[in-house]
C-alpha atoms as a PDB file:
ATOM      1  CA  MET A   1       6.455 -11.508  14.895  1.00  0.00           C
ATOM      2  CA  PRO A   2       5.200 -11.127  18.568  1.00  0.00           C
ATOM      3  CA  TYR A   3       2.054  -9.159  19.079  1.00  0.00           C
ATOM      4  CA  ASP A   4       0.501  -7.389  21.970  1.00  0.00           C
ATOM      5  CA  GLU A   5      -1.928  -9.735  23.844  1.00  0.00           C
ATOM      6  CA  ALA A   6      -4.897  -7.617  22.760  1.00  0.00           C
ATOM      7  CA  VAL A   7      -3.951  -7.777  19.203  1.00  0.00           C
ATOM      8  CA  GLN A   8      -3.282 -11.462  19.312  1.00  0.00           C
ATOM      9  CA  ARG A   9      -6.737 -12.089  20.792  1.00  0.00           C
ATOM     10  CA  LEU A  10      -8.443  -9.995  18.110  1.00  0.00           C
ATOM     11  CA  LEU A  11      -6.539 -11.741  15.251  1.00  0.00           C
ATOM     12  CA  ASP A  12      -7.299 -15.157  16.808  1.00  0.00           C
ATOM     13  CA  GLY A  13     -10.926 -14.402  16.820  1.00  0.00           C
ATOM     14  CA  PHE A  14     -10.846 -13.116  13.379  1.00  0.00           C
ATOM     15  CA  VAL A  15      -9.186 -16.332  12.024  1.00  0.00           C
ATOM     16  CA  ALA A  16     -11.505 -18.444  14.015  1.00  0.00           C
ATOM     17  CA  SER A  17     -14.707 -16.784  12.649  1.00  0.00           C
ATOM     18  CA  LEU A  18     -13.703 -16.150   8.869  1.00  0.00           C
ATOM     19  CA  PRO A  19     -13.886 -19.602   7.455  1.00  0.00           C
ATOM     20  CA  SER A  20     -17.650 -19.758   8.399  1.00  0.00           C
ATOM     21  CA  VAL A  21     -18.460 -16.867   6.138  1.00  0.00           C
ATOM     22  CA  VAL A  22     -15.954 -16.976   3.367  1.00  0.00           C
ATOM     23  CA  PRO A  23     -13.905 -19.813   1.560  1.00  0.00           C
ATOM     24  CA  LEU A  24     -10.603 -18.815   3.415  1.00  0.00           C
ATOM     25  CA  ARG A  25      -7.320 -20.049   1.867  1.00  0.00           C
ATOM     26  CA  ALA A  26      -4.882 -17.693   3.661  1.00  0.00           C
ATOM     27  CA  LEU A  27      -4.776 -14.583   5.841  1.00  0.00           C
ATOM     28  CA  TRP A  28      -1.838 -12.250   5.446  1.00  0.00           C
ATOM     29  CA  LEU A  29      -0.396  -9.280   7.150  1.00  0.00           C
ATOM     30  CA  HIS A  30       0.853  -6.053   5.435  1.00  0.00           C
ATOM     31  CA  GLY A  31       1.475  -2.441   6.520  1.00  0.00           C
ATOM     32  CA  SER A  32       3.033  -1.692   9.884  1.00  0.00           C
ATOM     33  CA  LEU A  33       2.278  -5.261  10.976  1.00  0.00           C
ATOM     34  CA  ALA A  34       4.500  -6.649   8.299  1.00  0.00           C
ATOM     35  CA  LEU A  35       7.269  -4.129   8.370  1.00  0.00           C
ATOM     36  CA  GLY A  36       7.769  -4.258  12.144  1.00  0.00           C
ATOM     37  CA  ASP A  37       6.340  -0.680  12.947  1.00  0.00           C
ATOM     38  CA  TYR A  38       3.088  -1.414  14.476  1.00  0.00           C
ATOM     39  CA  GLN A  39       1.987   0.967  17.335  1.00  0.00           C
ATOM     40  CA  LEU A  40      -0.695  -0.278  19.491  1.00  0.00           C
ATOM     41  CA  GLY A  41      -3.766   1.960  19.457  1.00  0.00           C
ATOM     42  CA  VAL A  42      -2.161   4.064  16.581  1.00  0.00           C
ATOM     43  CA  SER A  43      -1.553   1.665  13.702  1.00  0.00           C
ATOM     44  CA  ASP A  44      -4.134  -0.037  11.648  1.00  0.00           C
ATOM     45  CA  LEU A  45      -4.431  -3.758  11.422  1.00  0.00           C
ATOM     46  CA  ASP A  46      -3.799  -4.353   7.560  1.00  0.00           C
ATOM     47  CA  LEU A  47      -4.770  -7.831   6.218  1.00  0.00           C
ATOM     48  CA  ILE A  48      -5.352  -9.559   3.018  1.00  0.00           C
ATOM     49  CA  ALA A  49      -7.699 -12.614   2.966  1.00  0.00           C
ATOM     50  CA  VAL A  50      -7.083 -15.012   0.126  1.00  0.00           C
ATOM     51  CA  LEU A  51     -10.240 -16.938  -0.845  1.00  0.00           C
ATOM     52  CA  ASP A  52     -10.913 -20.074  -2.923  1.00  0.00           C
ATOM     53  CA  GLY A  53     -13.997 -18.550  -4.339  1.00  0.00           C
ATOM     54  CA  PRO A  54     -16.138 -15.358  -4.293  1.00  0.00           C
ATOM     55  CA  VAL A  55     -17.333 -13.609  -1.150  1.00  0.00           C
ATOM     56  CA  GLY A  56     -20.857 -14.307  -2.104  1.00  0.00           C
ATOM     57  CA  ASP A  57     -23.465 -12.653   0.144  1.00  0.00           C
ATOM     58  CA  ALA A  58     -21.439  -9.975   1.724  1.00  0.00           C
ATOM     59  CA  SER A  59     -24.046  -9.413   4.624  1.00  0.00           C
ATOM     60  CA  GLY A  60     -22.284 -12.254   6.783  1.00  0.00           C
ATOM     61  CA  LEU A  61     -18.870 -10.789   6.287  1.00  0.00           C
ATOM     62  CA  GLN A  62     -20.131  -7.321   7.226  1.00  0.00           C
ATOM     63  CA  ALA A  63     -21.813  -8.524  10.326  1.00  0.00           C
ATOM     64  CA  LEU A  64     -18.656 -10.359  11.243  1.00  0.00           C
ATOM     65  CA  HIS A  65     -16.660  -7.154  11.150  1.00  0.00           C
ATOM     66  CA  ARG A  66     -19.328  -5.263  13.148  1.00  0.00           C
ATOM     67  CA  SER A  67     -19.380  -7.927  15.843  1.00  0.00           C
ATOM     68  CA  LEU A  68     -15.725  -7.705  16.149  1.00  0.00           C
ATOM     69  CA  GLU A  69     -15.804  -3.967  16.474  1.00  0.00           C
ATOM     70  CA  ALA A  70     -18.441  -4.217  19.328  1.00  0.00           C
ATOM     71  CA  ALA A  71     -16.273  -6.818  21.168  1.00  0.00           C
ATOM     72  CA  HIS A  72     -12.601  -5.559  20.574  1.00  0.00           C
ATOM     73  CA  PRO A  73     -11.661  -1.899  21.070  1.00  0.00           C
ATOM     74  CA  LEU A  74      -8.942  -2.402  18.336  1.00  0.00           C
ATOM     75  CA  ALA A  75     -11.150  -3.932  15.849  1.00  0.00           C
ATOM     76  CA  SER A  76     -12.190  -0.575  14.381  1.00  0.00           C
ATOM     77  CA  GLY A  77      -8.614  -0.515  12.834  1.00  0.00           C
ATOM     78  CA  LEU A  78      -8.923  -3.895  11.390  1.00  0.00           C
ATOM     79  CA  HIS A  79      -8.920  -3.514   7.566  1.00  0.00           C
ATOM     80  CA  CYS A  80      -9.158  -6.456   5.291  1.00  0.00           C
ATOM     81  CA  SER A  81      -9.496  -7.041   1.544  1.00  0.00           C
ATOM     82  CA  TYR A  82     -10.868 -10.375   0.241  1.00  0.00           C
ATOM     83  CA  VAL A  83      -9.092 -11.495  -2.897  1.00  0.00           C
ATOM     84  CA  ARG A  84      -9.800 -14.597  -4.846  1.00  0.00           C
ATOM     85  CA  VAL A  85      -6.674 -16.698  -5.350  1.00  0.00           C
ATOM     86  CA  ASP A  86      -7.188 -16.903  -9.097  1.00  0.00           C
ATOM     87  CA  GLN A  87      -7.233 -13.020  -9.165  1.00  0.00           C
ATOM     88  CA  LEU A  88      -3.874 -12.541  -7.254  1.00  0.00           C
ATOM     89  CA  ALA A  89      -1.823 -11.902 -10.473  1.00  0.00           C
ATOM     90  CA  ASP A  90      -4.007  -8.893 -11.645  1.00  0.00           C
ATOM     91  CA  ALA A  91      -3.089  -5.675  -9.771  1.00  0.00           C
ATOM     92  CA  SER A  92      -5.728  -3.820 -11.544  1.00  0.00           C
ATOM     93  CA  LEU A  93      -8.719  -5.605 -10.069  1.00  0.00           C
ATOM     94  CA  LEU A  94     -10.980  -4.246  -7.286  1.00  0.00           C
ATOM     95  CA  HIS A  95     -11.749  -6.558  -4.337  1.00  0.00           C
ATOM     96  CA  PRO A  96     -14.307  -6.547  -1.355  1.00  0.00           C
ATOM     97  CA  THR A  97     -12.794  -4.674   1.480  1.00  0.00           C
ATOM     98  CA  TRP A  98     -13.804  -3.675   4.944  1.00  0.00           C
ATOM     99  CA  ALA A  99     -11.879  -0.705   6.261  1.00  0.00           C
ATOM    100  CA  HIS A 100     -12.744   2.544   8.083  1.00  0.00           C
ATOM    101  CA  ARG A 101     -16.059   0.720   9.218  1.00  0.00           C
ATOM    102  CA  GLU A 102     -17.277   0.558   5.696  1.00  0.00           C
ATOM    103  CA  TYR A 103     -17.537  -2.068   3.038  1.00  0.00           C
ATOM    104  CA  PHE A 104     -16.405  -1.056  -0.329  1.00  0.00           C
ATOM    105  CA  GLU A 105     -14.003  -2.261  -3.114  1.00  0.00           C
ATOM    106  CA  ARG A 106     -10.295  -1.470  -3.857  1.00  0.00           C
ATOM    107  CA  PRO A 107      -7.209  -2.850  -5.368  1.00  0.00           C
ATOM    108  CA  VAL A 108      -4.374  -4.646  -3.756  1.00  0.00           C
ATOM    109  CA  THR A 109      -1.731  -2.063  -4.588  1.00  0.00           C
ATOM    110  CA  ALA A 110       1.860  -2.458  -5.704  1.00  0.00           C
ATOM    111  CA  VAL A 111       3.082  -1.127  -2.335  1.00  0.00           C
ATOM    112  CA  THR A 112       0.897  -3.645  -0.422  1.00  0.00           C
ATOM    113  CA  ARG A 113       2.094  -6.384  -2.692  1.00  0.00           C
ATOM    114  CA  ARG A 114       5.667  -5.421  -1.961  1.00  0.00           C
ATOM    115  CA  GLU A 115       4.949  -5.233   1.846  1.00  0.00           C
ATOM    116  CA  LEU A 116       3.367  -8.714   1.666  1.00  0.00           C
ATOM    117  CA  MET A 117       6.342 -10.121   0.183  1.00  0.00           C
ATOM    118  CA  LEU A 118       8.734  -8.387   2.414  1.00  0.00           C
ATOM    119  CA  GLY A 119       7.050  -9.553   5.659  1.00  0.00           C
ATOM    120  CA  ASP A 120       5.911 -12.694   4.030  1.00  0.00           C
ATOM    121  CA  LEU A 121       3.679 -13.213   7.232  1.00  0.00           C
ATOM    122  CA  SER A 122       0.500 -15.602   7.236  1.00  0.00           C
ATOM    123  CA  ILE A 123      -1.507 -16.183  10.291  1.00  0.00           C
ATOM    124  CA  TYR A 124      -3.474 -18.774   8.258  1.00  0.00           C
ATOM    125  CA  GLY A 125      -2.657 -20.853   5.364  1.00  0.00           C
ATOM    126  CA  PRO A 126       0.341 -20.488   2.924  1.00  0.00           C
ATOM    127  CA  ALA A 127       2.637 -17.625   3.073  1.00  0.00           C
ATOM    128  CA  PRO A 128       2.296 -14.694   0.408  1.00  0.00           C
ATOM    129  CA  SER A 129       5.560 -15.923  -1.123  1.00  0.00           C
ATOM    130  CA  SER A 130       3.934 -19.196  -2.202  1.00  0.00           C
ATOM    131  CA  LEU A 131       0.910 -17.717  -4.059  1.00  0.00           C
ATOM    132  CA  LEU A 132       1.535 -14.022  -4.789  1.00  0.00           C
ATOM    133  CA  PRO A 133       3.437 -12.961  -7.895  1.00  0.00           C
ATOM    134  CA  ALA A 134       6.482 -10.725  -7.245  1.00  0.00           C
ATOM    135  CA  THR A 135       6.102  -6.847  -7.888  1.00  0.00           C
ATOM    136  CA  SER A 136       8.989  -5.393  -9.995  1.00  0.00           C
ATOM    137  CA  ASP A 137      10.722  -2.257  -9.037  1.00  0.00           C
ATOM    138  CA  ALA A 138       9.277  -0.688 -12.240  1.00  0.00           C
ATOM    139  CA  GLU A 139       5.696  -1.585 -11.221  1.00  0.00           C
ATOM    140  CA  LEU A 140       6.276  -0.273  -7.575  1.00  0.00           C
ATOM    141  CA  ALA A 141       7.685   3.049  -8.937  1.00  0.00           C
ATOM    142  CA  ALA A 142       5.034   3.547 -11.547  1.00  0.00           C
ATOM    143  CA  PHE A 143       2.254   3.135  -8.907  1.00  0.00           C
ATOM    144  CA  VAL A 144       4.090   5.485  -6.363  1.00  0.00           C
ATOM    145  CA  ARG A 145       4.330   8.157  -9.113  1.00  0.00           C
ATOM    146  CA  GLU A 146       0.706   7.931  -9.982  1.00  0.00           C
ATOM    147  CA  ASP A 147      -0.280   8.249  -6.344  1.00  0.00           C
ATOM    148  CA  LEU A 148       1.620  11.330  -5.959  1.00  0.00           C
ATOM    149  CA  GLU A 149       0.423  12.803  -9.181  1.00  0.00           C
ATOM    150  CA  THR A 150      -3.122  11.991  -9.043  1.00  0.00           C
ATOM    151  CA  PHE A 151      -4.037  11.831  -5.324  1.00  0.00           C
ATOM    152  CA  TRP A 152      -1.473  13.707  -3.245  1.00  0.00           C
ATOM    153  CA  TYR A 153      -0.697  16.691  -5.598  1.00  0.00           C
ATOM    154  CA  PRO A 154      -4.292  17.568  -6.056  1.00  0.00           C
ATOM    155  CA  ALA A 155      -5.021  17.145  -2.266  1.00  0.00           C
ATOM    156  CA  ALA A 156      -2.257  19.803  -1.536  1.00  0.00           C
ATOM    157  CA  ARG A 157      -4.442  22.378  -3.183  1.00  0.00           C
ATOM    158  CA  LYS A 158      -7.427  21.805  -0.867  1.00  0.00           C
ATOM    159  CA  TRP A 159      -6.165  23.624   2.262  1.00  0.00           C
ATOM    160  CA  LYS A 160      -8.899  22.965   4.704  1.00  0.00           C
ATOM    161  CA  ARG A 161      -8.240  19.195   4.991  1.00  0.00           C
ATOM    162  CA  TRP A 162      -4.796  20.046   6.249  1.00  0.00           C
ATOM    163  CA  TRP A 163      -6.217  21.270   9.479  1.00  0.00           C
ATOM    164  CA  ALA A 164      -6.488  17.570  10.448  1.00  0.00           C
ATOM    165  CA  ASP A 165      -3.772  15.488  12.054  1.00  0.00           C
ATOM    166  CA  VAL A 166      -4.326  12.558   9.446  1.00  0.00           C
ATOM    167  CA  TRP A 167      -3.491  14.689   6.541  1.00  0.00           C
ATOM    168  CA  VAL A 168      -0.497  16.363   8.062  1.00  0.00           C
ATOM    169  CA  ASP A 169       0.860  12.932   9.245  1.00  0.00           C
ATOM    170  CA  HIS A 170       0.197  10.864   6.100  1.00  0.00           C
ATOM    171  CA  GLY A 171       1.207  13.608   3.826  1.00  0.00           C
ATOM    172  CA  LEU A 172       4.628  14.197   5.111  1.00  0.00           C
ATOM    173  CA  ILE A 173       5.308  10.375   5.643  1.00  0.00           C
ATOM    174  CA  THR A 174       4.094   9.550   2.211  1.00  0.00           C
ATOM    175  CA  VAL A 175       6.272  11.931   0.331  1.00  0.00           C
ATOM    176  CA  ALA A 176       9.344  10.793   2.427  1.00  0.00           C
ATOM    177  CA  ARG A 177       8.716   7.136   1.616  1.00  0.00           C
ATOM    178  CA  ALA A 178       8.088   7.861  -2.048  1.00  0.00           C
ATOM    179  CA  GLY A 179      11.261   9.427  -2.309  1.00  0.00           C
ATOM    180  CA  VAL A 180      13.188   6.524  -1.041  1.00  0.00           C
ATOM    181  CA  THR A 181      11.162   3.995  -3.317  1.00  0.00           C
ATOM    182  CA  LEU A 182      11.590   6.100  -6.434  1.00  0.00           C
ATOM    183  CA  THR A 183      15.427   6.339  -5.811  1.00  0.00           C
ATOM    184  CA  ASP A 184      16.348   2.885  -4.968  1.00  0.00           C
ATOM    185  CA  GLY A 185      13.043   0.690  -4.909  1.00  0.00           C
ATOM    186  CA  ARG A 186      13.079   0.254  -1.088  1.00  0.00           C
ATOM    187  CA  LEU A 187      10.054   0.545   1.194  1.00  0.00           C
ATOM    188  CA  ILE A 188      10.689   2.244   4.429  1.00  0.00           C
ATOM    189  CA  THR A 189       8.640   2.272   7.739  1.00  0.00           C
ATOM    190  CA  LYS A 190       6.916   5.331   8.978  1.00  0.00           C
ATOM    191  CA  ARG A 191       9.566   5.635  11.705  1.00  0.00           C
ATOM    192  CA  GLU A 192      12.272   5.729   9.196  1.00  0.00           C
ATOM    193  CA  ALA A 193      10.387   8.191   7.124  1.00  0.00           C
ATOM    194  CA  LEU A 194       9.993  10.569  10.151  1.00  0.00           C
ATOM    195  CA  GLU A 195      13.652  10.165  10.793  1.00  0.00           C
ATOM    196  CA  LEU A 196      14.438  11.179   7.255  1.00  0.00           C
ATOM    197  CA  LEU A 197      12.085  14.139   6.888  1.00  0.00           C
ATOM    198  CA  PRO A 198      14.276  16.821   8.555  1.00  0.00           C
ATOM    199  CA  SER A 199      16.989  16.255   5.966  1.00  0.00           C
ATOM    200  CA  LEU A 200      14.381  16.796   3.243  1.00  0.00           C
ATOM    201  CA  GLY A 201      13.622  20.182   4.691  1.00  0.00           C
ATOM    202  CA  ALA A 202      10.377  19.295   6.511  1.00  0.00           C
ATOM    203  CA  PRO A 203       9.381  21.754   9.299  1.00  0.00           C
ATOM    204  CA  PRO A 204      11.085  20.355  12.448  1.00  0.00           C
ATOM    205  CA  ALA A 205       8.157  21.128  14.745  1.00  0.00           C
ATOM    206  CA  ILE A 206       5.737  19.354  12.631  1.00  0.00           C
ATOM    207  CA  VAL A 207       7.838  16.213  12.357  1.00  0.00           C
ATOM    208  CA  ALA A 208       8.445  16.267  16.150  1.00  0.00           C
ATOM    209  CA  ASP A 209       4.722  16.684  16.583  1.00  0.00           C
ATOM    210  CA  ILE A 210       3.941  13.506  14.371  1.00  0.00           C
ATOM    211  CA  TYR A 211       6.676  11.534  16.034  1.00  0.00           C
ATOM    212  CA  ASP A 212       5.440  12.228  19.561  1.00  0.00           C
ATOM    213  CA  ARG A 213       1.842  11.481  18.815  1.00  0.00           C
ATOM    214  CA  ARG A 214       2.844   8.196  17.069  1.00  0.00           C
ATOM    215  CA  TYR A 215       5.523   6.893  19.173  1.00  0.00           C
ATOM    216  CA  GLY A 216       5.238   8.861  22.427  1.00  0.00           C
ATOM    217  CA  GLY A 217       1.491   8.742  22.878  1.00  0.00           C
ATOM    218  CA  ALA A 218       1.513  12.608  23.344  1.00  0.00           C
ATOM    219  CA  ALA A 219      -1.582  14.607  22.156  1.00  0.00           C
ATOM    220  CA  PHE A 220      -1.617  18.423  21.823  1.00  0.00           C
ATOM    221  CA  ARG A 221      -4.548  20.815  21.722  1.00  0.00           C
ATOM    222  CA  ARG A 222      -3.830  23.669  19.182  1.00  0.00           C
ATOM    223  CA  ASN A 223      -5.650  26.797  18.734  1.00  0.00           C
ATOM    224  CA  PRO A 224      -7.097  27.680  15.326  1.00  0.00           C
ATOM    225  CA  ALA A 225      -4.088  29.771  14.344  1.00  0.00           C
ATOM    226  CA  SER A 226      -1.499  27.312  15.102  1.00  0.00           C
ATOM    227  CA  ARG A 227      -3.478  24.681  13.401  1.00  0.00           C
ATOM    228  CA  LEU A 228      -3.822  26.809  10.121  1.00  0.00           C
ATOM    229  CA  ARG A 229      -0.092  27.607  10.212  1.00  0.00           C
ATOM    230  CA  ARG A 230       0.797  23.924  10.656  1.00  0.00           C
ATOM    231  CA  GLY A 231      -1.468  22.888   7.786  1.00  0.00           C
ATOM    232  CA  LEU A 232      -0.126  25.565   5.424  1.00  0.00           C
ATOM    233  CA  LEU A 233       3.413  24.614   6.195  1.00  0.00           C
ATOM    234  CA  ALA A 234       2.609  20.954   5.797  1.00  0.00           C
ATOM    235  CA  ARG A 235       0.784  21.260   2.457  1.00  0.00           C
ATOM    236  CA  ARG A 236       3.387  23.549   1.033  1.00  0.00           C
ATOM    237  CA  PHE A 237       6.184  21.047   1.987  1.00  0.00           C
ATOM    238  CA  VAL A 238       4.136  18.107   0.379  1.00  0.00           C
ATOM    239  CA  ARG A 239       3.594  19.958  -2.833  1.00  0.00           C
ATOM    240  CA  THR A 240       7.075  21.176  -3.157  1.00  0.00           C
ATOM    241  CA  THR A 241       8.565  17.795  -2.483  1.00  0.00           C
ATOM    242  CA  ILE A 242       6.220  16.069  -5.085  1.00  0.00           C
ATOM    243  CA  ASP A 243       7.447  18.717  -7.583  1.00  0.00           C
ATOM    244  CA  GLY A 244      10.878  17.667  -7.060  1.00  0.00           C
ATOM    245  CA  LEU A 245       9.986  13.816  -7.147  1.00  0.00           C
ATOM    246  CA  LEU A 246       8.027  13.935 -10.423  1.00  0.00           C
ATOM    247  CA  ALA A 247      10.388  16.471 -12.259  1.00  0.00           C
END
């Protein structure tokens, strides 16, 4: 797929630098990049690096990410997990990851695995379909249910976090996407989720706000009272929708 010139420069630099610090076999795209919904300056750049061996000394890898962030304005949104090729089949394993300007470990989830196969996009080495085992609809549904039950449902009890745009945005979009996946096994984009939300009973003003900030570049300043009201409505919708999905 075509990228913005700034994104292409960043990805080219990343690909050129990685083999000097890790045994790189392939570099794959997932998330909005893979599903065709990438928005410059809004979306993250989500990648999976497949390695022929372990990361080893992680200091060089962390230094690479920090140098990219210093040189490229978009690099703070570049997130990459590093997965050994002989561990691709086990979805329960944790893998070294750079995301949100931090180094930690996380799994390659069923949703990510399905996104990888749908896009089948590699910017270095073989494509996902040649190395990654398929994710069944049952595996995908089980992950989505667990994510709703163990992460999003408890999160909807903690009202203070719902003052923030990121919780409102991801909460509403997540439950809309989850409903489609649990119904027919499909993954939909964030744009498709926003278009679906009004029919699910989401507050129209909140949906319009999310859409404008993601696709229109609009930013709004809210007073504390309006932010509180928006957060209360968003978390109530998320919790009620999860109740229905998990019933």
